[in-house]
């Protein structure tokens, strides 16, 4: 339709029109022709930004699905490959372990080569991992399935830190939190499918040939999806819009290459006390989520034997509720900019949900577990995009990929520690003691979050340009100079 947009002066400050090749691409906002150099930098929002973020969500989905596809049917995988529970746990923990040594070279590559190269490498690795696993559907080939899982875990290093970077590069100042939530949403949806689909595709049968057939079907489905998404990324995924979407992004683009040092950026982040407190609190929260996800099958089977399918459904409930929480929190942040208050509130409610889950798991009523797991998931998983966006605010103008990478590195470290520790506690003292162990660390994380000093640097950068622009226009009007002409563009 050919509806027209009124001038937008609230999203990114004034969107200043540009006449040239970029004008042919569909945009959603009209602009102001910028004839004065001190009126800020031209910004524009392109419709294709939604296609980019949804494509990212798609390949994040297929990668996250593979993380949990073994753990949720761990008893079946143990029987098929004839391995111990700890070996199956490592099929999930390899995702965490791989991230730690590779995050710094990968974030350096993201800074140097950009989003498109990073996306291509991520999808090539992910696709390779899925096809290696297709060849591992035999009881004697556990090492092959571990190799395939390692390839997929390597791909994850190129994925987890991208949502906040992609949101900043493609979206306006009042959209970045929502866009980041959509990016995280894909990862959460993949985990949800990973909880739901494997118990359906791979029933607990005793015939090894039949079981191999079912496992092979599961592997072929993920390989086909990964291949299709790789083709789409090669054809569709773009590096960045020609015109920046916000004043903060315009300032970041204007930084000269010789002004940027990756090492100096890392050191600057490590000296940023509010950010380092966030790194610890984020790692504690997300590490608890990783441990719960990896060990969920064992928790449910201990109290509800033979309920593998319902264990997957409970995991699905956790993640679906978390997806809703992520989107609601992202929209809330865009509207209110209350980063610390929202993060602290969600953290407290995550602890509350974990306590409720812990003390109702052994009551013998699965419907109660579904409810408490949903409450836990809404807040614990909903916290993920909050951490990303809060980190960007605290660290601007440092690279979003680097700050997100440090957050995820903390989460992987705590995830490995919590998964191993909780698994051992469950072996000796049961699930109640293991879950209380996690509750203690969530309480510590809540206290740490309360000590974070909120310094919203990115918001200040956008607001400063807006104030300068309004002041300049006001001064021109007082001198009798006509303001820049407002153009209304037809949405193509």
Protein backbone atom coordinates (compact mmCIF):
# COMPACT_ATOMS: atom_id res chain seq x y z
CA UNK A 1 0.00 0.00 0.00
CA UNK A 2 1.09 3.54 -0.61
CA UNK A 3 0.43 5.02 2.84
CA UNK A 4 2.62 7.86 3.93
CA UNK A 5 4.62 8.20 7.13
CA UNK A 6 4.71 11.33 9.21
CA UNK A 7 8.11 12.65 10.23
CA UNK A 8 9.59 10.59 13.07
CA UNK A 9 11.46 12.58 15.68
CA UNK A 10 11.16 10.14 18.56
CA UNK A 11 12.85 6.93 17.47
CA UNK A 12 16.35 7.89 16.47
CA UNK A 13 16.09 11.61 16.68
CA UNK A 14 15.25 13.11 13.28
CA UNK A 15 15.52 10.66 10.36
CA UNK A 16 17.23 12.81 7.77
CA UNK A 17 16.35 12.08 4.17
CA UNK A 18 18.85 10.95 1.59
CA UNK A 19 18.37 11.10 -2.13
CA UNK A 20 20.44 8.50 -3.92
CA UNK A 21 20.73 4.78 -4.41
CA UNK A 22 19.60 4.00 -0.89
CA UNK A 23 16.26 5.67 -1.50
CA UNK A 24 15.17 2.80 -3.72
CA UNK A 25 15.13 0.42 -0.77
CA UNK A 26 11.81 0.38 1.12
CA UNK A 27 11.95 2.40 4.32
CA UNK A 28 9.45 2.96 7.06
CA UNK A 29 10.17 6.52 8.12
CA UNK A 30 10.26 9.85 6.39
CA UNK A 31 13.23 12.09 6.78
CA UNK A 32 14.52 15.61 7.06
CA UNK A 33 17.00 16.78 4.50
CA UNK A 34 20.13 17.67 6.42
CA UNK A 35 21.69 20.79 4.97
CA UNK A 36 23.51 21.80 8.16
CA UNK A 37 26.50 19.77 9.28
CA UNK A 38 25.70 20.32 12.95
CA UNK A 39 22.19 18.89 12.74
CA UNK A 40 23.39 15.32 13.24
CA UNK A 41 24.00 12.47 10.84
CA UNK A 42 21.51 11.08 8.36
CA UNK A 43 19.71 7.98 9.70
CA UNK A 44 17.17 5.67 8.11
CA UNK A 45 15.35 2.43 8.93
CA UNK A 46 15.08 -0.20 6.19
CA UNK A 47 12.32 -2.80 6.03
CA UNK A 48 14.89 -5.47 5.23
CA UNK A 49 16.11 -5.25 8.86
CA UNK A 50 13.26 -7.57 9.85
CA UNK A 51 14.29 -10.14 7.25
CA UNK A 52 17.87 -10.04 8.55
CA UNK A 53 16.93 -10.55 12.20
CA UNK A 54 14.47 -13.36 11.43
CA UNK A 55 17.07 -15.13 9.29
CA UNK A 56 19.54 -14.87 12.15
CA UNK A 57 16.91 -16.27 14.50
CA UNK A 58 16.42 -19.21 12.13
CA UNK A 59 20.01 -20.36 12.12
CA UNK A 60 20.34 -19.68 15.84
CA UNK A 61 17.29 -21.96 16.25
CA UNK A 62 18.77 -24.95 14.44
CA UNK A 63 22.02 -24.62 16.36
CA UNK A 64 20.32 -24.36 19.77
CA UNK A 65 18.13 -27.37 18.95
CA UNK A 66 21.22 -29.53 18.63
CA UNK A 67 22.53 -28.44 22.03
CA UNK A 68 19.70 -30.10 23.93
CA UNK A 69 18.63 -32.89 21.55
CA UNK A 70 20.73 -35.53 23.35
CA UNK A 71 20.19 -34.40 26.94
CA UNK A 72 16.40 -34.62 26.88
CA UNK A 73 16.59 -38.31 25.87
CA UNK A 74 19.77 -39.01 27.85
CA UNK A 75 18.56 -42.40 29.11
CA UNK A 76 17.93 -43.54 25.52
CA UNK A 77 21.29 -42.20 24.28
CA UNK A 78 23.05 -44.00 27.16
CA UNK A 79 21.42 -47.26 26.14
CA UNK A 80 22.09 -46.84 22.40
CA UNK A 81 25.76 -45.83 22.62
CA UNK A 82 26.42 -47.88 25.80
CA UNK A 83 27.94 -44.91 27.67
CA UNK A 84 27.53 -43.43 31.16
CA UNK A 85 25.29 -40.46 32.03
CA UNK A 86 28.32 -38.21 32.45
CA UNK A 87 29.38 -38.88 28.83
CA UNK A 88 25.92 -37.88 27.61
CA UNK A 89 26.06 -34.73 29.77
CA UNK A 90 29.23 -33.80 27.88
CA UNK A 91 27.27 -33.75 24.61
CA UNK A 92 25.62 -30.64 26.07
CA UNK A 93 28.57 -29.31 28.05
CA UNK A 94 30.81 -29.37 24.96
CA UNK A 95 28.77 -26.34 23.81
CA UNK A 96 29.85 -24.55 26.97
CA UNK A 97 33.46 -25.73 26.93
CA UNK A 98 34.09 -24.86 23.26
CA UNK A 99 32.84 -21.31 23.77
CA UNK A 100 35.42 -20.38 26.40
CA UNK A 101 38.71 -20.62 24.42
CA UNK A 102 37.27 -19.45 21.10
CA UNK A 103 35.16 -16.46 22.14
CA UNK A 104 37.97 -13.89 21.97
CA UNK A 105 39.25 -14.79 18.46
CA UNK A 106 35.64 -14.99 17.23
CA UNK A 107 34.65 -11.57 18.64
CA UNK A 108 37.86 -10.17 17.10
CA UNK A 109 36.78 -11.64 13.76
CA UNK A 110 33.29 -10.13 14.20
CA UNK A 111 34.82 -6.71 14.80
CA UNK A 112 37.23 -6.98 11.84
CA UNK A 113 35.13 -8.84 9.23
CA UNK A 114 31.59 -7.97 10.31
CA UNK A 115 28.24 -9.70 10.49
CA UNK A 116 28.07 -11.40 7.08
CA UNK A 117 31.39 -13.26 7.30
CA UNK A 118 30.54 -14.34 10.84
CA UNK A 119 27.12 -15.59 9.72
CA UNK A 120 28.59 -17.56 6.81
CA UNK A 121 31.18 -19.29 9.02
CA UNK A 122 28.56 -20.08 11.68
CA UNK A 123 26.24 -21.72 9.19
CA UNK A 124 28.98 -23.65 7.39
CA UNK A 125 30.17 -25.14 10.70
CA UNK A 126 26.63 -25.85 11.85
CA UNK A 127 25.76 -27.59 8.59
CA UNK A 128 28.95 -29.69 8.73
CA UNK A 129 28.15 -30.76 12.29
CA UNK A 130 24.67 -31.95 11.38
CA UNK A 131 25.92 -34.11 8.49
CA UNK A 132 28.68 -35.65 10.63
CA UNK A 133 25.99 -36.70 13.10
CA UNK A 134 24.02 -38.33 10.29
CA UNK A 135 26.97 -40.74 9.94
CA UNK A 136 27.02 -41.51 13.68
CA UNK A 137 23.75 -43.45 14.04
CA UNK A 138 25.45 -46.68 15.07
CA UNK A 139 26.07 -47.89 18.66
CA UNK A 140 29.84 -48.03 18.13
CA UNK A 141 30.17 -44.46 16.81
CA UNK A 142 29.71 -42.32 19.92
CA UNK A 143 32.99 -40.53 19.12
CA UNK A 144 31.58 -39.53 15.71
CA UNK A 145 28.44 -38.03 17.24
CA UNK A 146 30.67 -36.17 19.71
CA UNK A 147 32.72 -34.83 16.78
CA UNK A 148 29.57 -33.61 15.06
CA UNK A 149 28.39 -32.01 18.29
CA UNK A 150 31.76 -30.29 18.65
CA UNK A 151 31.38 -28.78 15.16
CA UNK A 152 27.93 -27.49 16.07
CA UNK A 153 29.25 -26.13 19.37
CA UNK A 154 31.99 -24.29 17.47
CA UNK A 155 29.31 -22.73 15.28
CA UNK A 156 27.55 -21.53 18.44
CA UNK A 157 30.54 -19.34 19.28
CA UNK A 158 29.77 -17.33 16.12
CA UNK A 159 26.08 -17.05 17.05
CA UNK A 160 25.52 -16.31 20.74
CA UNK A 161 27.13 -12.87 20.79
CA UNK A 162 25.44 -11.54 17.65
CA UNK A 163 21.92 -10.44 18.73
CA UNK A 164 22.92 -7.15 20.35
CA UNK A 165 25.41 -6.35 17.56
CA UNK A 166 22.87 -7.11 14.84
CA UNK A 167 20.22 -5.04 16.66
CA UNK A 168 22.55 -2.04 16.94
CA UNK A 169 23.69 -2.23 13.30
CA UNK A 170 20.21 -2.58 11.75
CA UNK A 171 17.63 -1.12 14.18
CA UNK A 172 16.65 2.28 15.54
CA UNK A 173 17.26 3.48 19.08
CA UNK A 174 13.74 2.58 20.23
CA UNK A 175 13.83 -0.86 18.59
CA UNK A 176 17.17 -2.31 19.66
CA UNK A 177 15.89 -4.13 22.75
CA UNK A 178 12.97 -5.63 20.83
CA UNK A 179 15.27 -6.67 17.98
CA UNK A 180 17.74 -8.21 20.42
CA UNK A 181 14.85 -10.11 22.00
CA UNK A 182 13.85 -11.48 18.59
CA UNK A 183 17.43 -12.63 18.04
CA UNK A 184 17.46 -14.40 21.40
CA UNK A 185 13.93 -15.68 20.66
CA UNK A 186 15.26 -17.88 17.85
CA UNK A 187 17.78 -19.51 20.17
CA UNK A 188 15.09 -20.15 22.77
CA UNK A 189 12.71 -21.57 20.17
CA UNK A 190 15.45 -23.97 19.07
CA UNK A 191 15.86 -25.16 22.67
CA UNK A 192 12.07 -25.54 22.92
CA UNK A 193 12.00 -27.73 19.80
CA UNK A 194 15.00 -29.63 21.18
CA UNK A 195 12.98 -30.45 24.28
CA UNK A 196 9.84 -31.41 22.34
CA UNK A 197 10.90 -33.24 19.18
CA UNK A 198 13.59 -35.82 20.16
CA UNK A 199 11.35 -37.70 22.66
CA UNK A 200 8.73 -37.95 19.89
CA UNK A 201 11.15 -38.97 17.13
CA UNK A 202 13.18 -41.39 19.26
CA UNK A 203 10.92 -43.67 21.38
CA UNK A 204 12.45 -45.80 24.13
CA UNK A 205 12.52 -49.16 22.31
CA UNK A 206 14.77 -52.15 22.99
CA UNK A 207 15.49 -53.14 19.36
CA UNK A 208 18.83 -51.46 18.52
CA UNK A 209 18.20 -51.50 14.75
CA UNK A 210 14.86 -49.79 15.19
CA UNK A 211 16.39 -47.31 17.61
CA UNK A 212 19.19 -46.55 15.13
CA UNK A 213 16.55 -45.88 12.48
CA UNK A 214 14.74 -43.37 14.69
CA UNK A 215 17.96 -41.61 15.70
CA UNK A 216 18.99 -41.42 12.03
CA UNK A 217 15.69 -39.74 11.12
CA UNK A 218 16.28 -37.15 13.87
CA UNK A 219 19.76 -36.41 12.50
CA UNK A 220 18.58 -36.18 8.86
CA UNK A 221 15.87 -33.64 9.74
CA UNK A 222 18.33 -31.29 11.45
CA UNK A 223 20.86 -31.71 8.59
CA UNK A 224 18.25 -30.83 5.97
CA UNK A 225 17.15 -27.73 7.87
CA UNK A 226 20.74 -26.56 8.44
CA UNK A 227 21.53 -26.94 4.74
CA UNK A 228 18.46 -24.95 3.65
CA UNK A 229 19.28 -22.14 6.09
CA UNK A 230 22.91 -22.03 4.91
CA UNK A 231 21.70 -21.46 1.34
CA UNK A 232 19.39 -18.63 2.50
CA UNK A 233 22.19 -16.95 4.44
CA UNK A 234 24.49 -17.03 1.41
CA UNK A 235 21.80 -15.42 -0.75
CA UNK A 236 20.04 -13.03 1.63
CA UNK A 237 22.16 -12.03 4.64
CA UNK A 238 23.72 -8.56 4.35
CA UNK A 239 26.45 -6.85 6.34
CA UNK A 240 24.75 -3.54 7.24
CA UNK A 241 22.34 -0.94 5.87
CA UNK A 242 23.85 1.74 3.65
CA UNK A 243 22.59 4.46 5.99
CA UNK A 244 22.90 3.95 9.79
CA UNK A 245 19.66 3.48 11.76
CA UNK A 246 20.59 5.63 14.77
CA UNK A 247 22.86 8.46 15.82
CA UNK A 248 24.77 6.12 18.14
CA UNK A 249 25.46 3.75 15.22
CA UNK A 250 26.44 6.69 13.00
CA UNK A 251 29.00 7.78 15.58
CA UNK A 252 30.34 4.22 15.79
CA UNK A 253 30.76 4.13 12.00
CA UNK A 254 32.67 7.40 12.04
CA UNK A 255 35.37 5.90 14.26
CA UNK A 256 38.55 5.52 12.22
CA UNK A 257 40.05 1.99 12.00
CA UNK A 258 43.31 3.19 13.55
CA UNK A 259 41.34 4.53 16.53
CA UNK A 260 40.14 1.02 17.45
CA UNK A 261 42.19 -1.59 19.29
CA UNK A 262 40.62 -4.94 20.18
CA UNK A 263 43.02 -5.43 23.09
CA UNK A 264 42.32 -1.93 24.41
CA UNK A 265 38.59 -2.61 24.10
CA UNK A 266 38.87 -5.81 26.18
CA UNK A 267 40.95 -4.02 28.84
CA UNK A 268 38.44 -1.17 28.93
CA UNK A 269 35.60 -3.63 29.51
CA UNK A 270 37.52 -5.43 32.25
CA UNK A 271 38.04 -2.09 34.05
CA UNK A 272 34.33 -1.24 33.80
CA UNK A 273 33.10 -2.20 37.29
CA UNK A 274 29.32 -2.06 36.59
CA UNK A 275 29.83 -4.26 33.52
CA UNK A 276 31.98 -6.79 35.39
CA UNK A 277 29.31 -7.08 38.08
CA UNK A 278 26.81 -7.75 35.28
CA UNK A 279 29.15 -10.39 33.83
CA UNK A 280 29.11 -12.26 37.16
CA UNK A 281 25.35 -11.94 37.74
CA UNK A 282 24.55 -12.90 34.13
CA UNK A 283 26.82 -15.94 34.33
CA UNK A 284 25.16 -17.13 37.55
CA UNK A 285 21.63 -16.83 36.12
CA UNK A 286 22.28 -18.35 32.70
CA UNK A 287 24.63 -20.99 34.13
CA UNK A 288 21.74 -22.18 36.33
CA UNK A 289 19.51 -22.35 33.23
CA UNK A 290 22.11 -24.44 31.38
CA UNK A 291 22.38 -26.87 34.29
CA UNK A 292 18.60 -27.26 34.61
CA UNK A 293 18.23 -27.83 30.86
CA UNK A 294 21.02 -30.41 30.69
CA UNK A 295 19.84 -32.38 33.74
CA UNK A 296 16.07 -31.99 33.29
CA UNK A 297 15.55 -35.52 31.98
CA UNK A 298 17.32 -36.99 35.01
CA UNK A 299 15.30 -34.80 37.40
CA UNK A 300 11.94 -35.77 35.95
CA UNK A 301 12.70 -39.48 35.47
CA UNK A 302 13.84 -39.75 39.11
CA UNK A 303 10.42 -38.67 40.39
CA UNK A 304 8.25 -39.72 37.43
CA UNK A 305 9.72 -42.91 35.85
CA UNK A 306 8.87 -43.53 32.21
CA UNK A 307 7.86 -39.90 31.57
CA UNK A 308 10.51 -39.07 28.94
CA UNK A 309 7.94 -37.37 26.69
CA UNK A 310 6.58 -35.27 29.55
CA UNK A 311 10.14 -34.34 30.53
CA UNK A 312 10.49 -32.89 27.03
CA UNK A 313 7.16 -31.10 27.39
CA UNK A 314 8.23 -29.57 30.70
CA UNK A 315 11.41 -28.34 29.03
CA UNK A 316 9.26 -26.96 26.24
CA UNK A 317 7.11 -25.16 28.80
CA UNK A 318 10.20 -23.59 30.38
CA UNK A 319 11.44 -22.24 27.06
CA UNK A 320 8.09 -21.17 25.57
CA UNK A 321 7.35 -19.20 28.72
CA UNK A 322 10.86 -17.74 28.50
CA UNK A 323 10.30 -16.69 24.90
CA UNK A 324 7.23 -14.75 25.98
CA UNK A 325 9.23 -13.26 28.83
CA UNK A 326 12.05 -12.23 26.47
CA UNK A 327 9.75 -10.41 24.06
CA UNK A 328 7.80 -8.70 26.83
CA UNK A 329 11.00 -7.60 28.58
CA UNK A 330 12.48 -6.33 25.29
CA UNK A 331 9.40 -4.26 24.46
CA UNK A 332 9.29 -3.00 28.06
CA UNK A 333 12.91 -1.83 27.86
CA UNK A 334 12.30 0.00 24.58
CA UNK A 335 9.36 1.82 26.16
CA UNK A 336 10.79 2.61 29.60
CA UNK A 337 14.61 2.38 29.41
CA UNK A 338 14.53 1.12 33.03
CA UNK A 339 17.42 -1.29 32.60
CA UNK A 340 18.57 -1.80 36.20
CA UNK A 341 15.08 -1.87 37.71
CA UNK A 342 13.82 -4.39 35.15
CA UNK A 343 16.93 -6.59 35.38
CA UNK A 344 16.79 -6.68 39.19
CA UNK A 345 13.05 -7.41 39.25
CA UNK A 346 13.39 -10.27 36.75
CA UNK A 347 16.33 -11.68 38.72
CA UNK A 348 14.33 -11.71 41.97
CA UNK A 349 11.42 -13.40 40.22
CA UNK A 350 13.81 -15.97 38.68
CA UNK A 351 14.94 -16.88 42.20
CA UNK A 352 11.31 -17.09 43.33
CA UNK A 353 10.45 -19.37 40.41
CA UNK A 354 13.45 -21.60 41.15
CA UNK A 355 12.39 -21.96 44.79
CA UNK A 356 8.85 -22.89 43.74
CA UNK A 357 10.14 -25.46 41.24
CA UNK A 358 12.58 -26.93 43.78
CA UNK A 359 10.04 -27.58 46.51
CA UNK A 360 7.20 -28.85 44.32
CA UNK A 361 9.12 -31.23 42.04
CA UNK A 362 8.70 -34.22 44.38
CA UNK A 363 4.99 -33.76 45.19
CA UNK A 364 3.96 -36.39 42.64
CA UNK A 365 1.78 -34.09 40.52
CA UNK A 366 3.12 -33.41 37.02
CA UNK A 367 0.67 -30.54 36.44
CA UNK A 368 2.26 -28.68 39.36
CA UNK A 369 5.70 -29.18 37.81
CA UNK A 370 4.42 -27.76 34.50
CA UNK A 371 3.18 -24.61 36.25
CA UNK A 372 6.28 -23.97 38.36
CA UNK A 373 8.57 -24.75 35.42
CA UNK A 374 6.65 -22.25 33.29
CA UNK A 375 7.03 -19.51 35.92
CA UNK A 376 10.74 -20.31 36.24
CA UNK A 377 11.22 -20.22 32.47
CA UNK A 378 9.32 -16.95 31.99
CA UNK A 379 11.75 -15.05 34.20
CA UNK A 380 15.01 -17.03 33.97
CA UNK A 381 14.98 -17.31 30.17
CA UNK A 382 13.38 -13.88 29.82
CA UNK A 383 16.49 -12.49 31.51
CA UNK A 384 18.76 -13.33 28.53
CA UNK A 385 18.07 -10.29 26.29
CA UNK A 386 17.99 -8.01 29.34
CA UNK A 387 21.60 -8.91 30.08
CA UNK A 388 22.69 -8.32 26.47
CA UNK A 389 21.05 -4.92 26.18
CA UNK A 390 22.08 -3.76 29.65
CA UNK A 391 25.67 -4.66 28.75
CA UNK A 392 25.55 -2.59 25.56
CA UNK A 393 24.25 0.40 27.53
CA UNK A 394 26.98 0.06 30.17
CA UNK A 395 29.82 -0.34 27.66
CA UNK A 396 28.96 1.93 24.68
CA UNK A 397 30.84 2.69 22.41
CA UNK A 398 32.70 -0.60 22.83
CA UNK A 399 31.79 -3.39 20.42
CA UNK A 400 28.47 -5.12 21.19
CA UNK A 401 29.96 -8.44 20.10
CA UNK A 402 32.76 -8.18 22.64
CA UNK A 403 30.51 -7.29 25.58
CA UNK A 404 28.05 -10.05 24.64
CA UNK A 405 30.94 -12.47 24.24
CA UNK A 406 32.19 -11.81 27.76
CA UNK A 407 28.67 -12.31 29.14
CA UNK A 408 28.32 -15.62 27.33
CA UNK A 409 31.81 -16.73 28.37
CA UNK A 410 30.80 -16.21 32.00
CA UNK A 411 27.58 -18.16 31.40
CA UNK A 412 29.48 -21.09 29.84
CA UNK A 413 31.97 -21.27 32.73
CA UNK A 414 29.25 -21.23 35.37
CA UNK A 415 27.17 -23.60 33.22
CA UNK A 416 29.92 -26.25 33.22
CA UNK A 417 30.56 -25.82 36.96
CA UNK A 418 26.87 -25.95 37.87
CA UNK A 419 26.07 -28.89 35.58
CA UNK A 420 28.89 -31.05 36.91
CA UNK A 421 28.32 -30.02 40.54
CA UNK A 422 24.55 -30.41 40.43
CA UNK A 423 24.88 -33.76 38.66
CA UNK A 424 27.18 -35.06 41.40
CA UNK A 425 24.94 -33.66 44.16
CA UNK A 426 21.94 -35.37 42.57
CA UNK A 427 23.85 -38.67 42.43
CA UNK A 428 24.60 -38.57 46.16
CA UNK A 429 21.79 -36.53 47.77
CA UNK A 430 18.98 -36.32 45.18
CA UNK A 431 17.35 -33.60 43.08
CA UNK A 432 16.18 -31.48 46.02
CA UNK A 433 19.73 -30.85 47.23
CA UNK A 434 20.88 -30.18 43.66
CA UNK A 435 18.20 -27.56 43.08
CA UNK A 436 18.83 -25.88 46.44
CA UNK A 437 22.46 -25.59 45.33
CA UNK A 438 21.29 -23.54 42.32
CA UNK A 439 18.93 -21.42 44.46
CA UNK A 440 21.88 -20.30 46.59
CA UNK A 441 23.76 -19.00 43.57
CA UNK A 442 20.68 -17.27 42.17
CA UNK A 443 20.41 -15.44 45.50
CA UNK A 444 24.05 -14.37 45.18
CA UNK A 445 23.37 -13.16 41.63
CA UNK A 446 20.40 -11.12 42.82
CA UNK A 447 22.57 -9.34 45.41
CA UNK A 448 25.31 -8.66 42.82
CA UNK A 449 22.72 -7.18 40.41
CA UNK A 450 21.61 -4.77 43.13
CA UNK A 451 25.13 -3.33 43.29
CA UNK A 452 25.36 -2.51 39.55
CA UNK A 453 25.54 1.24 38.95
CA UNK A 454 23.31 2.09 36.01
CA UNK A 455 25.22 4.22 33.47
CA UNK A 456 23.23 4.20 30.21
CA UNK A 457 25.91 5.47 27.83
CA UNK A 458 24.19 4.57 24.55
CA UNK A 459 21.02 6.39 25.58
CA UNK A 460 23.08 9.45 26.49
CA UNK A 461 24.73 9.42 23.05
CA UNK A 462 21.37 9.36 21.25
CA UNK A 463 19.83 11.98 23.54
CA UNK A 464 22.80 14.31 23.17
CA UNK A 465 22.43 14.39 19.38
CA UNK A 466 18.67 14.95 19.68
CA UNK A 467 19.18 17.90 22.05
CA UNK A 468 21.84 19.42 19.79
CA UNK A 469 19.56 19.09 16.77
CA UNK A 470 16.57 20.72 18.50
CA UNK A 471 18.79 23.52 19.84
CA UNK A 472 20.21 24.25 16.39
CA UNK A 473 16.79 24.35 14.73
CA UNK A 474 15.45 26.62 17.50
CA UNK A 475 18.38 28.99 17.11
CA UNK A 476 17.85 29.12 13.33
CA UNK A 477 14.17 29.94 13.79
CA UNK A 478 15.03 32.75 16.19
CA UNK A 479 17.40 34.18 13.56
CA UNK A 480 14.66 33.94 10.93
CA UNK A 481 16.25 31.03 9.06
CA UNK A 482 13.77 28.50 7.65
CA UNK A 483 14.06 24.99 9.15
CA UNK A 484 14.99 22.07 6.92
CA UNK A 485 12.21 20.97 4.62
CA UNK A 486 10.16 18.01 5.81
CA UNK A 487 9.71 15.34 3.17
CA UNK A 488 7.00 12.73 3.24
CA UNK A 489 8.10 9.59 1.45
CA UNK A 490 5.80 7.00 -0.07
CA UNK A 491 6.33 3.55 1.44
CA UNK A 492 7.16 1.31 -1.48
